[in-house]
PDB file of N, CA and C in Angstrom:
ATOM      1  N   UNK A   1     104.734 160.671 178.757  1.00  0.00           N
ATOM      2  CA  UNK A   1     105.396 160.610 177.460  1.00  0.00           C
ATOM      3  C   UNK A   1     104.644 159.582 176.267  1.00  0.00           C
ATOM      4  N   UNK A   2     104.274 160.469 175.446  1.00  0.00           N
ATOM      5  CA  UNK A   2     104.054 159.182 174.356  1.00  0.00           C
ATOM      6  C   UNK A   2     105.027 158.298 173.751  1.00  0.00           C
ATOM      7  N   UNK A   3     104.541 156.930 173.176  1.00  0.00           N
ATOM      8  CA  UNK A   3     105.200 155.976 172.892  1.00  0.00           C
ATOM      9  C   UNK A   3     106.190 156.546 171.500  1.00  0.00           C
ATOM     10  N   UNK A   4     105.482 156.827 170.944  1.00  0.00           N
ATOM     11  CA  UNK A   4     106.259 157.593 169.642  1.00  0.00           C
ATOM     12  C   UNK A   4     107.411 158.659 170.103  1.00  0.00           C
ATOM     13  N   UNK A   5     107.585 159.572 170.977  1.00  0.00           N
ATOM     14  CA  UNK A   5     108.547 160.271 171.729  1.00  0.00           C
ATOM     15  C   UNK A   5     109.808 159.622 172.263  1.00  0.00           C
ATOM     16  N   UNK A   6     109.222 158.557 173.077  1.00  0.00           N
ATOM     17  CA  UNK A   6     110.070 157.738 173.589  1.00  0.00           C
ATOM     18  C   UNK A   6     111.295 157.215 172.756  1.00  0.00           C
ATOM     19  N   UNK A   7     110.615 156.231 171.652  1.00  0.00           N
ATOM     20  CA  UNK A   7     111.447 155.469 170.806  1.00  0.00           C
ATOM     21  C   UNK A   7     112.350 156.706 170.142  1.00  0.00           C
ATOM     22  N   UNK A   8     111.523 157.767 169.829  1.00  0.00           N
ATOM     23  CA  UNK A   8     112.354 158.647 168.983  1.00  0.00           C
ATOM     24  C   UNK A   8     113.898 159.073 169.880  1.00  0.00           C
ATOM     25  N   UNK A   9     113.746 159.453 171.241  1.00  0.00           N
ATOM     26  CA  UNK A   9     114.464 159.728 172.142  1.00  0.00           C
ATOM     27  C   UNK A   9     115.409 158.486 171.760  1.00  0.00           C
ATOM     28  N   UNK A  10     114.975 157.240 172.523  1.00  0.00           N
ATOM     29  CA  UNK A  10     115.894 156.031 172.505  1.00  0.00           C
ATOM     30  C   UNK A  10     116.881 156.081 171.317  1.00  0.00           C
ATOM     31  N   UNK A  11     116.028 156.336 170.106  1.00  0.00           N
ATOM     32  CA  UNK A  11     117.271 156.009 168.645  1.00  0.00           C
ATOM     33  C   UNK A  11     117.807 157.098 168.824  1.00  0.00           C
ATOM     34  N   UNK A  12     117.899 158.418 169.116  1.00  0.00           N
ATOM     35  CA  UNK A  12     118.832 159.594 169.102  1.00  0.00           C
ATOM     36  C   UNK A  12     120.022 159.177 169.727  1.00  0.00           C
ATOM     37  N   UNK A  13     119.930 158.459 170.865  1.00  0.00           N
ATOM     38  CA  UNK A  13     121.050 158.235 171.766  1.00  0.00           C
ATOM     39  C   UNK A  13     121.728 156.645 171.046  1.00  0.00           C
ATOM     40  N   UNK A  14     120.523 155.956 170.623  1.00  0.00           N
ATOM     41  CA  UNK A  14     121.230 154.887 169.402  1.00  0.00           C
ATOM     42  C   UNK A  14     122.201 155.220 168.260  1.00  0.00           C
ATOM     43  N   UNK A  15     121.781 156.460 167.806  1.00  0.00           N
ATOM     44  CA  UNK A  15     122.292 156.828 166.548  1.00  0.00           C
ATOM     45  C   UNK A  15     123.988 157.552 167.264  1.00  0.00           C
ATOM     46  N   UNK A  16     124.090 158.433 168.366  1.00  0.00           N
ATOM     47  CA  UNK A  16     124.824 158.846 168.758  1.00  0.00           C
ATOM     48  C   UNK A  16     126.039 158.277 168.788  1.00  0.00           C
ATOM     49  N   UNK A  17     125.589 156.509 169.897  1.00  0.00           N
ATOM     50  CA  UNK A  17     126.516 155.947 170.298  1.00  0.00           C
ATOM     51  C   UNK A  17     126.895 154.925 169.170  1.00  0.00           C
ATOM     52  N   UNK A  18     126.347 154.692 168.035  1.00  0.00           N
ATOM     53  CA  UNK A  18     126.471 154.101 166.903  1.00  0.00           C
ATOM     54  C   UNK A  18     128.035 154.677 166.526  1.00  0.00           C
ATOM     55  N   UNK A  19     128.446 155.968 166.681  1.00  0.00           N
ATOM     56  CA  UNK A  19     129.467 156.230 166.044  1.00  0.00           C
ATOM     57  C   UNK A  19     130.990 155.676 166.846  1.00  0.00           C
ATOM     58  N   UNK A  20     130.724 155.098 168.028  1.00  0.00           N
ATOM     59  CA  UNK A  20     131.602 155.290 169.539  1.00  0.00           C
ATOM     60  C   UNK A  20     131.782 153.512 168.596  1.00  0.00           C
ATOM     61  N   UNK A  21     133.687 153.364 169.299  1.00  0.00           N
ATOM     62  CA  UNK A  21     134.352 152.147 169.154  1.00  0.00           C
ATOM     63  C   UNK A  21     133.181 150.769 169.486  1.00  0.00           C
ATOM     64  N   UNK A  22     133.018 150.086 168.698  1.00  0.00           N
ATOM     65  CA  UNK A  22     131.873 149.016 169.497  1.00  0.00           C
ATOM     66  C   UNK A  22     131.544 148.370 170.251  1.00  0.00           C
ATOM     67  N   UNK A  23     133.175 148.424 171.215  1.00  0.00           N
ATOM     68  CA  UNK A  23     132.533 147.908 172.818  1.00  0.00           C
ATOM     69  C   UNK A  23     132.507 148.875 173.553  1.00  0.00           C
ATOM     70  N   UNK A  24     131.848 150.556 172.792  1.00  0.00           N
ATOM     71  CA  UNK A  24     131.237 151.145 173.836  1.00  0.00           C
ATOM     72  C   UNK A  24     129.769 151.170 173.480  1.00  0.00           C
ATOM     73  N   UNK A  25     129.316 150.703 172.479  1.00  0.00           N
ATOM     74  CA  UNK A  25     128.014 150.996 171.958  1.00  0.00           C
ATOM     75  C   UNK A  25     126.781 150.667 173.545  1.00  0.00           C
ATOM     76  N   UNK A  26     126.745 149.687 173.155  1.00  0.00           N
ATOM     77  CA  UNK A  26     125.866 148.709 174.287  1.00  0.00           C
ATOM     78  C   UNK A  26     125.737 149.658 175.447  1.00  0.00           C
ATOM     79  N   UNK A  27     126.727 149.408 176.167  1.00  0.00           N
ATOM     80  CA  UNK A  27     126.878 149.895 177.171  1.00  0.00           C
ATOM     81  C   UNK A  27     126.738 151.591 177.654  1.00  0.00           C
ATOM     82  N   UNK A  28     127.177 152.528 176.294  1.00  0.00           N
ATOM     83  CA  UNK A  28     126.997 153.660 176.177  1.00  0.00           C
ATOM     84  C   UNK A  28     125.557 153.954 176.829  1.00  0.00           C
ATOM     85  N   UNK A  29     124.874 153.391 175.479  1.00  0.00           N
ATOM     86  CA  UNK A  29     123.561 153.379 175.389  1.00  0.00           C
ATOM     87  C   UNK A  29     122.547 153.544 176.659  1.00  0.00           C
ATOM     88  N   UNK A  30     123.008 151.846 177.604  1.00  0.00           N
ATOM     89  CA  UNK A  30     122.512 151.751 178.798  1.00  0.00           C
ATOM     90  C   UNK A  30     122.736 152.800 179.563  1.00  0.00           C
ATOM     91  N   UNK A  31     124.167 153.092 179.767  1.00  0.00           N
ATOM     92  CA  UNK A  31     124.652 153.976 180.900  1.00  0.00           C
ATOM     93  C   UNK A  31     123.766 154.865 180.427  1.00  0.00           C
ATOM     94  N   UNK A  32     123.705 155.511 179.822  1.00  0.00           N
ATOM     95  CA  UNK A  32     122.809 156.888 179.576  1.00  0.00           C
ATOM     96  C   UNK A  32     121.182 157.100 179.692  1.00  0.00           C
ATOM     97  N   UNK A  33     120.601 156.278 179.469  1.00  0.00           N
ATOM     98  CA  UNK A  33     119.379 155.239 179.945  1.00  0.00           C
ATOM     99  C   UNK A  33     119.289 155.460 181.260  1.00  0.00           C
ATOM    100  N   UNK A  34     120.214 154.333 181.951  1.00  0.00           N
ATOM    101  CA  UNK A  34     120.276 154.040 183.094  1.00  0.00           C
ATOM    102  C   UNK A  34     120.584 155.835 184.277  1.00  0.00           C
ATOM    103  N   UNK A  35     121.375 156.659 183.652  1.00  0.00           N
ATOM    104  CA  UNK A  35     121.767 157.896 184.440  1.00  0.00           C
ATOM    105  C   UNK A  35     120.821 159.019 184.182  1.00  0.00           C
ATOM    106  N   UNK A  36     120.030 159.076 183.100  1.00  0.00           N
ATOM    107  CA  UNK A  36     119.504 160.297 182.703  1.00  0.00           C
ATOM    108  C   UNK A  36     117.698 160.529 182.598  1.00  0.00           C
ATOM    109  N   UNK A  37     117.072 159.077 182.318  1.00  0.00           N
ATOM    110  CA  UNK A  37     115.805 158.678 181.933  1.00  0.00           C
ATOM    111  C   UNK A  37     115.133 158.867 183.316  1.00  0.00           C
ATOM    112  N   UNK A  38     114.079 159.219 183.494  1.00  0.00           N
ATOM    113  CA  UNK A  38     113.804 158.857 185.590  1.00  0.00           C
ATOM    114  C   UNK A  38     113.026 157.181 185.192  1.00  0.00           C
ATOM    115  N   UNK A  39     112.935 157.032 186.052  1.00  0.00           N
ATOM    116  CA  UNK A  39     112.150 155.378 186.463  1.00  0.00           C
ATOM    117  C   UNK A  39     110.946 155.114 185.525  1.00  0.00           C
ATOM    118  N   UNK A  40     109.643 155.845 185.371  1.00  0.00           N
ATOM    119  CA  UNK A  40     108.554 156.043 184.537  1.00  0.00           C
ATOM    120  C   UNK A  40     109.471 155.664 183.316  1.00  0.00           C
ATOM    121  N   UNK A  41     110.165 156.734 183.032  1.00  0.00           N
ATOM    122  CA  UNK A  41     110.537 156.363 181.428  1.00  0.00           C
ATOM    123  C   UNK A  41     111.200 154.981 181.281  1.00  0.00           C
ATOM    124  N   UNK A  42     111.922 154.769 182.345  1.00  0.00           N
ATOM    125  CA  UNK A  42     112.930 153.551 181.774  1.00  0.00           C
ATOM    126  C   UNK A  42     112.121 152.387 181.973  1.00  0.00           C
ATOM    127  N   UNK A  43     110.796 152.268 182.852  1.00  0.00           N
ATOM    128  CA  UNK A  43     109.745 151.438 182.503  1.00  0.00           C
ATOM    129  C   UNK A  43     109.007 151.126 181.832  1.00  0.00           C
ATOM    130  N   UNK A  44     108.813 152.267 181.153  1.00  0.00           N
ATOM    131  CA  UNK A  44     107.888 152.158 180.483  1.00  0.00           C
ATOM    132  C   UNK A  44     108.490 151.934 178.401  1.00  0.00           C
ATOM    133  N   UNK A  45     110.147 152.160 178.449  1.00  0.00           N
ATOM    134  CA  UNK A  45     110.838 151.365 177.371  1.00  0.00           C
ATOM    135  C   UNK A  45     110.899 150.357 177.784  1.00  0.00           C
ATOM    136  N   UNK A  46     111.230 149.575 179.198  1.00  0.00           N
ATOM    137  CA  UNK A  46     111.006 147.921 178.662  1.00  0.00           C
ATOM    138  C   UNK A  46     109.920 147.466 178.853  1.00  0.00           C
ATOM    139  N   UNK A  47     108.659 148.139 178.814  1.00  0.00           N
ATOM    140  CA  UNK A  47     107.358 147.188 178.610  1.00  0.00           C
ATOM    141  C   UNK A  47     107.359 147.189 177.241  1.00  0.00           C
ATOM    142  N   UNK A  48     107.845 148.870 176.296  1.00  0.00           N
ATOM    143  CA  UNK A  48     107.747 148.510 175.065  1.00  0.00           C
ATOM    144  C   UNK A  48     108.376 147.719 174.077  1.00  0.00           C
ATOM    145  N   UNK A  49     109.762 147.463 175.129  1.00  0.00           N
ATOM    146  CA  UNK A  49     110.612 146.384 174.298  1.00  0.00           C
ATOM    147  C   UNK A  49     110.193 144.901 174.773  1.00  0.00           C
ATOM    148  N   UNK A  50     109.648 144.684 175.985  1.00  0.00           N
ATOM    149  CA  UNK A  50     108.796 143.750 175.927  1.00  0.00           C
ATOM    150  C   UNK A  50     107.253 143.253 174.797  1.00  0.00           C
ATOM    151  N   UNK A  51     107.048 144.222 174.432  1.00  0.00           N
ATOM    152  CA  UNK A  51     105.943 144.064 173.463  1.00  0.00           C
ATOM    153  C   UNK A  51     106.318 144.058 172.189  1.00  0.00           C
ATOM    154  N   UNK A  52     107.795 143.884 172.184  1.00  0.00           N
ATOM    155  CA  UNK A  52     108.254 143.910 170.646  1.00  0.00           C
ATOM    156  C   UNK A  52     108.963 145.155 170.202  1.00  0.00           C
ATOM    157  N   UNK A  53     109.100 146.047 170.687  1.00  0.00           N
ATOM    158  CA  UNK A  53     109.970 147.392 170.484  1.00  0.00           C
ATOM    159  C   UNK A  53     109.659 147.878 169.099  1.00  0.00           C
ATOM    160  N   UNK A  54     108.452 147.854 168.633  1.00  0.00           N
ATOM    161  CA  UNK A  54     108.692 148.406 167.275  1.00  0.00           C
ATOM    162  C   UNK A  54     108.968 149.707 167.626  1.00  0.00           C
ATOM    163  N   UNK A  55     109.614 150.233 166.325  1.00  0.00           N
ATOM    164  CA  UNK A  55     110.170 151.284 166.276  1.00  0.00           C
ATOM    165  C   UNK A  55     111.905 151.814 166.696  1.00  0.00           C
ATOM    166  N   UNK A  56     112.285 150.550 167.408  1.00  0.00           N
ATOM    167  CA  UNK A  56     113.639 150.879 168.361  1.00  0.00           C
ATOM    168  C   UNK A  56     115.061 150.164 167.279  1.00  0.00           C
ATOM    169  N   UNK A  57     115.674 151.210 167.176  1.00  0.00           N
ATOM    170  CA  UNK A  57     117.195 150.765 166.852  1.00  0.00           C
ATOM    171  C   UNK A  57     117.726 149.953 168.029  1.00  0.00           C
ATOM    172  N   UNK A  58     117.710 148.314 166.742  1.00  0.00           N
ATOM    173  CA  UNK A  58     118.846 147.346 167.614  1.00  0.00           C
ATOM    174  C   UNK A  58     119.675 147.833 168.623  1.00  0.00           C
ATOM    175  N   UNK A  59     119.733 148.754 168.562  1.00  0.00           N
ATOM    176  CA  UNK A  59     121.097 149.208 169.627  1.00  0.00           C
ATOM    177  C   UNK A  59     120.865 149.303 170.645  1.00  0.00           C
ATOM    178  N   UNK A  60     119.093 149.935 170.867  1.00  0.00           N
ATOM    179  CA  UNK A  60     118.595 150.265 172.338  1.00  0.00           C
ATOM    180  C   UNK A  60     117.806 148.441 172.544  1.00  0.00           C
ATOM    181  N   UNK A  61     117.504 147.852 171.780  1.00  0.00           N
ATOM    182  CA  UNK A  61     117.323 146.720 172.407  1.00  0.00           C
ATOM    183  C   UNK A  61     117.949 145.928 172.578  1.00  0.00           C
ATOM    184  N   UNK A  62     119.199 145.914 172.234  1.00  0.00           N
ATOM    185  CA  UNK A  62     120.589 145.131 172.712  1.00  0.00           C
ATOM    186  C   UNK A  62     120.937 145.555 174.443  1.00  0.00           C
ATOM    187  N   UNK A  63     120.968 146.851 174.248  1.00  0.00           N
ATOM    188  CA  UNK A  63     121.307 147.555 175.578  1.00  0.00           C
ATOM    189  C   UNK A  63     120.016 147.427 176.825  1.00  0.00           C
ATOM    190  N   UNK A  64     119.369 147.249 176.308  1.00  0.00           N
ATOM    191  CA  UNK A  64     117.933 146.735 177.310  1.00  0.00           C
ATOM    192  C   UNK A  64     118.531 146.305 178.214  1.00  0.00           C
ATOM    193  N   UNK A  65     118.821 145.025 177.823  1.00  0.00           N
ATOM    194  CA  UNK A  65     119.652 143.663 178.831  1.00  0.00           C
ATOM    195  C   UNK A  65     120.283 144.458 180.411  1.00  0.00           C
ATOM    196  N   UNK A  66     120.648 145.527 179.998  1.00  0.00           N
ATOM    197  CA  UNK A  66     121.629 146.295 180.706  1.00  0.00           C
ATOM    198  C   UNK A  66     120.780 147.640 181.427  1.00  0.00           C
ATOM    199  N   UNK A  67     119.572 147.579 181.498  1.00  0.00           N
ATOM    200  CA  UNK A  67     118.903 149.221 181.677  1.00  0.00           C
ATOM    201  C   UNK A  67     118.111 148.216 183.283  1.00  0.00           C
ATOM    202  N   UNK A  68     118.248 148.925 183.923  1.00  0.00           N
ATOM    203  CA  UNK A  68     117.780 149.057 185.874  1.00  0.00           C
ATOM    204  C   UNK A  68     116.512 149.310 185.702  1.00  0.00           C
ATOM    205  N   UNK A  69     115.618 147.888 185.962  1.00  0.00           N
ATOM    206  CA  UNK A  69     114.358 148.013 185.992  1.00  0.00           C
ATOM    207  C   UNK A  69     113.902 148.910 186.909  1.00  0.00           C
ATOM    208  N   UNK A  70     113.062 149.545 186.999  1.00  0.00           N
ATOM    209  CA  UNK A  70     112.439 150.402 188.584  1.00  0.00           C
ATOM    210  C   UNK A  70     112.013 149.664 189.211  1.00  0.00           C
ATOM    211  N   UNK A  71     112.354 150.038 190.802  1.00  0.00           N
ATOM    212  CA  UNK A  71     111.861 148.940 191.906  1.00  0.00           C
ATOM    213  C   UNK A  71     110.582 149.375 192.113  1.00  0.00           C
TER     214      UNK A  71
END
């Protein structure tokens, strides 16, 4: 998957959860990515964040602390 598509998908998830109550935003983004993204996608997202997270919504970056890194 291209980095641009990955960023766009992650930002769409953040946009959806941004309308939720504040306490549900970060866990909502993290749970969605953990539940529905395959390990390679999560690994690519975490690598992108480690490299600076260019283009990502701040909510995705905040939720990254709760993402399950692939084994």
